[in-house]
Amino acid sequence: MCMKEEELEELVKKIKAKALREEAKKRGIKTACVKKIDIARQLPREVLEELSTRQ
């Protein structure tokens, strides 16, 4: 299931960069010199939703 770009951007706004990078590293996704939105595109939707609810 693919997420719409607007939905993705809204979720990413709620997520801190550090938390996003930590999840990406767990999954072997490159995090150096990459924007938050680019990292988010590679993560599963469930992970992004979970991260956006954490604060």
PDB file of N, CA and C in Angstrom:
ATOM      1  N   MET A   1       0.842  -1.187   0.000  1.00  0.00           N
ATOM      2  CA  MET A   1       0.000   0.000   0.000  1.00  0.00           C
ATOM      3  C   MET A   1       0.884   1.246   0.000  1.00  0.00           C
ATOM      4  N   CYS A   2       0.704   2.092  -0.967  1.00  0.00           N
ATOM      5  CA  CYS A   2       1.533   3.285  -1.127  1.00  0.00           C
ATOM      6  C   CYS A   2       0.843   4.490  -0.473  1.00  0.00           C
ATOM      7  N   MET A   3       1.637   5.306   0.172  1.00  0.00           N
ATOM      8  CA  MET A   3       1.123   6.464   0.874  1.00  0.00           C
ATOM      9  C   MET A   3       1.194   7.679  -0.051  1.00  0.00           C
ATOM     10  N   LYS A   4       0.194   8.522   0.008  1.00  0.00           N
ATOM     11  CA  LYS A   4       0.210   9.748  -0.783  1.00  0.00           C
ATOM     12  C   LYS A   4       1.291  10.677  -0.243  1.00  0.00           C
ATOM     13  N   GLU A   5       1.845  11.476  -1.127  1.00  0.00           N
ATOM     14  CA  GLU A   5       2.932  12.388  -0.771  1.00  0.00           C
ATOM     15  C   GLU A   5       2.513  13.360   0.338  1.00  0.00           C
ATOM     16  N   GLU A   6       1.281  13.863   0.275  1.00  0.00           N
ATOM     17  CA  GLU A   6       0.814  14.814   1.288  1.00  0.00           C
ATOM     18  C   GLU A   6       0.736  14.145   2.665  1.00  0.00           C
ATOM     19  N   GLU A   7       0.224  12.912   2.683  1.00  0.00           N
ATOM     20  CA  GLU A   7       0.126  12.153   3.933  1.00  0.00           C
ATOM     21  C   GLU A   7       1.513  11.943   4.529  1.00  0.00           C
ATOM     22  N   LEU A   8       2.435  11.565   3.671  1.00  0.00           N
ATOM     23  CA  LEU A   8       3.804  11.300   4.094  1.00  0.00           C
ATOM     24  C   LEU A   8       4.431  12.558   4.696  1.00  0.00           C
ATOM     25  N   GLU A   9       4.255  13.685   4.037  1.00  0.00           N
ATOM     26  CA  GLU A   9       4.820  14.946   4.524  1.00  0.00           C
ATOM     27  C   GLU A   9       4.247  15.323   5.884  1.00  0.00           C
ATOM     28  N   GLU A  10       2.947  15.112   6.075  1.00  0.00           N
ATOM     29  CA  GLU A  10       2.319  15.436   7.363  1.00  0.00           C
ATOM     30  C   GLU A  10       2.876  14.557   8.481  1.00  0.00           C
ATOM     31  N   LEU A  11       3.056  13.267   8.206  1.00  0.00           N
ATOM     32  CA  LEU A  11       3.613  12.371   9.213  1.00  0.00           C
ATOM     33  C   LEU A  11       5.045  12.763   9.555  1.00  0.00           C
ATOM     34  N   VAL A  12       5.833  13.083   8.541  1.00  0.00           N
ATOM     35  CA  VAL A  12       7.245  13.423   8.749  1.00  0.00           C
ATOM     36  C   VAL A  12       7.383  14.683   9.593  1.00  0.00           C
ATOM     37  N   LYS A  13       6.476  15.625   9.442  1.00  0.00           N
ATOM     38  CA  LYS A  13       6.527  16.861  10.239  1.00  0.00           C
ATOM     39  C   LYS A  13       6.410  16.567  11.733  1.00  0.00           C
ATOM     40  N   LYS A  14       5.709  15.496  12.076  1.00  0.00           N
ATOM     41  CA  LYS A  14       5.486  15.155  13.487  1.00  0.00           C
ATOM     42  C   LYS A  14       6.627  14.336  14.086  1.00  0.00           C
ATOM     43  N   ILE A  15       7.541  13.864  13.249  1.00  0.00           N
ATOM     44  CA  ILE A  15       8.602  12.965  13.702  1.00  0.00           C
ATOM     45  C   ILE A  15       9.919  13.721  13.826  1.00  0.00           C
ATOM     46  N   LYS A  16      10.604  13.499  14.936  1.00  0.00           N
ATOM     47  CA  LYS A  16      11.923  14.106  15.120  1.00  0.00           C
ATOM     48  C   LYS A  16      12.933  13.369  14.248  1.00  0.00           C
ATOM     49  N   ALA A  17      13.885  14.122  13.717  1.00  0.00           N
ATOM     50  CA  ALA A  17      14.894  13.556  12.812  1.00  0.00           C
ATOM     51  C   ALA A  17      15.683  12.443  13.485  1.00  0.00           C
ATOM     52  N   LYS A  18      16.003  12.620  14.753  1.00  0.00           N
ATOM     53  CA  LYS A  18      16.792  11.609  15.468  1.00  0.00           C
ATOM     54  C   LYS A  18      16.054  10.273  15.519  1.00  0.00           C
ATOM     55  N   ALA A  19      14.773  10.301  15.831  1.00  0.00           N
ATOM     56  CA  ALA A  19      13.973   9.079  15.910  1.00  0.00           C
ATOM     57  C   ALA A  19      13.866   8.415  14.537  1.00  0.00           C
ATOM     58  N   LEU A  20      13.708   9.223  13.513  1.00  0.00           N
ATOM     59  CA  LEU A  20      13.602   8.705  12.153  1.00  0.00           C
ATOM     60  C   LEU A  20      14.900   8.028  11.735  1.00  0.00           C
ATOM     61  N   ARG A  21      16.015   8.653  12.042  1.00  0.00           N
ATOM     62  CA  ARG A  21      17.322   8.084  11.700  1.00  0.00           C
ATOM     63  C   ARG A  21      17.597   6.791  12.459  1.00  0.00           C
ATOM     64  N   GLU A  22      17.210   6.737  13.728  1.00  0.00           N
ATOM     65  CA  GLU A  22      17.415   5.518  14.519  1.00  0.00           C
ATOM     66  C   GLU A  22      16.655   4.342  13.916  1.00  0.00           C
ATOM     67  N   GLU A  23      15.413   4.564  13.514  1.00  0.00           N
ATOM     68  CA  GLU A  23      14.624   3.498  12.889  1.00  0.00           C
ATOM     69  C   GLU A  23      15.235   3.074  11.561  1.00  0.00           C
ATOM     70  N   ALA A  24      15.711   4.034  10.803  1.00  0.00           N
ATOM     71  CA  ALA A  24      16.325   3.721   9.510  1.00  0.00           C
ATOM     72  C   ALA A  24      17.584   2.886   9.700  1.00  0.00           C
ATOM     73  N   LYS A  25      18.388   3.236  10.678  1.00  0.00           N
ATOM     74  CA  LYS A  25      19.628   2.490  10.933  1.00  0.00           C
ATOM     75  C   LYS A  25      19.329   1.052  11.321  1.00  0.00           C
ATOM     76  N   LYS A  26      18.257   0.830  12.079  1.00  0.00           N
ATOM     77  CA  LYS A  26      17.866  -0.527  12.470  1.00  0.00           C
ATOM     78  C   LYS A  26      17.571  -1.376  11.248  1.00  0.00           C
ATOM     79  N   ARG A  27      17.107  -0.735  10.181  1.00  0.00           N
ATOM     80  CA  ARG A  27      16.714  -1.452   8.970  1.00  0.00           C
ATOM     81  C   ARG A  27      17.773  -1.384   7.865  1.00  0.00           C
ATOM     82  N   GLY A  28      18.946  -0.830   8.197  1.00  0.00           N
ATOM     83  CA  GLY A  28      20.035  -0.774   7.229  1.00  0.00           C
ATOM     84  C   GLY A  28      19.847   0.271   6.142  1.00  0.00           C
ATOM     85  N   ILE A  29      19.073   1.301   6.419  1.00  0.00           N
ATOM     86  CA  ILE A  29      18.835   2.366   5.443  1.00  0.00           C
ATOM     87  C   ILE A  29      19.857   3.468   5.670  1.00  0.00           C
ATOM     88  N   LYS A  30      20.451   3.947   4.588  1.00  0.00           N
ATOM     89  CA  LYS A  30      21.443   5.012   4.658  1.00  0.00           C
ATOM     90  C   LYS A  30      20.822   6.278   5.244  1.00  0.00           C
ATOM     91  N   THR A  31      21.535   6.914   6.182  1.00  0.00           N
ATOM     92  CA  THR A  31      20.993   8.115   6.808  1.00  0.00           C
ATOM     93  C   THR A  31      21.895   9.333   6.645  1.00  0.00           C
ATOM     94  N   ALA A  32      23.100   9.152   6.149  1.00  0.00           N
ATOM     95  CA  ALA A  32      24.018  10.281   5.981  1.00  0.00           C
ATOM     96  C   ALA A  32      23.640  11.087   4.742  1.00  0.00           C
ATOM     97  N   CYS A  33      23.589  12.397   4.893  1.00  0.00           N
ATOM     98  CA  CYS A  33      23.292  13.317   3.780  1.00  0.00           C
ATOM     99  C   CYS A  33      21.963  13.008   3.098  1.00  0.00           C
ATOM    100  N   VAL A  34      20.971  12.625   3.884  1.00  0.00           N
ATOM    101  CA  VAL A  34      19.654  12.300   3.340  1.00  0.00           C
ATOM    102  C   VAL A  34      18.616  13.106   4.119  1.00  0.00           C
ATOM    103  N   LYS A  35      17.641  13.665   3.413  1.00  0.00           N
ATOM    104  CA  LYS A  35      16.577  14.440   4.050  1.00  0.00           C
ATOM    105  C   LYS A  35      15.611  13.506   4.777  1.00  0.00           C
ATOM    106  N   LYS A  36      14.901  14.067   5.755  1.00  0.00           N
ATOM    107  CA  LYS A  36      13.920  13.287   6.516  1.00  0.00           C
ATOM    108  C   LYS A  36      12.897  12.626   5.600  1.00  0.00           C
ATOM    109  N   ILE A  37      12.413  13.356   4.620  1.00  0.00           N
ATOM    110  CA  ILE A  37      11.373  12.825   3.738  1.00  0.00           C
ATOM    111  C   ILE A  37      11.895  11.633   2.937  1.00  0.00           C
ATOM    112  N   ASP A  38      13.160  11.667   2.550  1.00  0.00           N
ATOM    113  CA  ASP A  38      13.738  10.568   1.786  1.00  0.00           C
ATOM    114  C   ASP A  38      13.882   9.315   2.644  1.00  0.00           C
ATOM    115  N   ILE A  39      14.229   9.501   3.905  1.00  0.00           N
ATOM    116  CA  ILE A  39      14.306   8.368   4.831  1.00  0.00           C
ATOM    117  C   ILE A  39      12.903   7.796   5.022  1.00  0.00           C
ATOM    118  N   ALA A  40      11.930   8.672   5.223  1.00  0.00           N
ATOM    119  CA  ALA A  40      10.553   8.250   5.473  1.00  0.00           C
ATOM    120  C   ALA A  40       9.987   7.442   4.304  1.00  0.00           C
ATOM    121  N   ARG A  41      10.360   7.787   3.098  1.00  0.00           N
ATOM    122  CA  ARG A  41       9.859   7.053   1.920  1.00  0.00           C
ATOM    123  C   ARG A  41      10.301   5.595   1.941  1.00  0.00           C
ATOM    124  N   GLN A  42      11.407   5.302   2.603  1.00  0.00           N
ATOM    125  CA  GLN A  42      11.948   3.950   2.621  1.00  0.00           C
ATOM    126  C   GLN A  42      11.449   3.118   3.803  1.00  0.00           C
ATOM    127  N   LEU A  43      10.827   3.771   4.771  1.00  0.00           N
ATOM    128  CA  LEU A  43      10.329   3.066   5.952  1.00  0.00           C
ATOM    129  C   LEU A  43       8.879   2.624   5.745  1.00  0.00           C
ATOM    130  N   PRO A  44       8.479   1.530   6.395  1.00  0.00           N
ATOM    131  CA  PRO A  44       7.077   1.084   6.299  1.00  0.00           C
ATOM    132  C   PRO A  44       6.124   2.095   6.939  1.00  0.00           C
ATOM    133  N   ARG A  45       4.927   2.154   6.414  1.00  0.00           N
ATOM    134  CA  ARG A  45       3.914   3.094   6.913  1.00  0.00           C
ATOM    135  C   ARG A  45       3.659   2.918   8.417  1.00  0.00           C
ATOM    136  N   GLU A  46       3.618   1.659   8.870  1.00  0.00           N
ATOM    137  CA  GLU A  46       3.335   1.389  10.283  1.00  0.00           C
ATOM    138  C   GLU A  46       4.381   2.044  11.185  1.00  0.00           C
ATOM    139  N   VAL A  47       5.624   1.995  10.766  1.00  0.00           N
ATOM    140  CA  VAL A  47       6.712   2.580  11.554  1.00  0.00           C
ATOM    141  C   VAL A  47       6.538   4.095  11.616  1.00  0.00           C
ATOM    142  N   LEU A  48       6.227   4.710  10.504  1.00  0.00           N
ATOM    143  CA  LEU A  48       6.039   6.160  10.474  1.00  0.00           C
ATOM    144  C   LEU A  48       4.867   6.587  11.356  1.00  0.00           C
ATOM    145  N   GLU A  49       3.782   5.825  11.311  1.00  0.00           N
ATOM    146  CA  GLU A  49       2.625   6.163  12.139  1.00  0.00           C
ATOM    147  C   GLU A  49       2.957   6.030  13.621  1.00  0.00           C
ATOM    148  N   GLU A  50       3.709   4.983  13.966  1.00  0.00           N
ATOM    149  CA  GLU A  50       4.103   4.795  15.359  1.00  0.00           C
ATOM    150  C   GLU A  50       5.009   5.936  15.835  1.00  0.00           C
ATOM    151  N   LEU A  51       5.979   6.297  15.020  1.00  0.00           N
ATOM    152  CA  LEU A  51       6.892   7.381  15.368  1.00  0.00           C
ATOM    153  C   LEU A  51       6.173   8.720  15.501  1.00  0.00           C
ATOM    154  N   SER A  52       5.179   8.955  14.672  1.00  0.00           N
ATOM    155  CA  SER A  52       4.463  10.234  14.711  1.00  0.00           C
ATOM    156  C   SER A  52       3.601  10.360  15.959  1.00  0.00           C
ATOM    157  N   THR A  53       3.209   9.232  16.562  1.00  0.00           N
ATOM    158  CA  THR A  53       2.400   9.295  17.777  1.00  0.00           C
ATOM    159  C   THR A  53       3.261   9.387  19.033  1.00  0.00           C
ATOM    160  N   ARG A  54       4.508   8.993  18.925  1.00  0.00           N
ATOM    161  CA  ARG A  54       5.431   9.103  20.069  1.00  0.00           C
ATOM    162  C   ARG A  54       5.863  10.543  20.241  1.00  0.00           C
ATOM    163  N   GLN A  55       5.947  11.001  21.473  1.00  0.00           N
ATOM    164  CA  GLN A  55       6.486  12.344  21.750  1.00  0.00           C
ATOM    165  C   GLN A  55       7.021  12.412  23.131  1.00  0.00           C
TER     166      GLN A  55
END
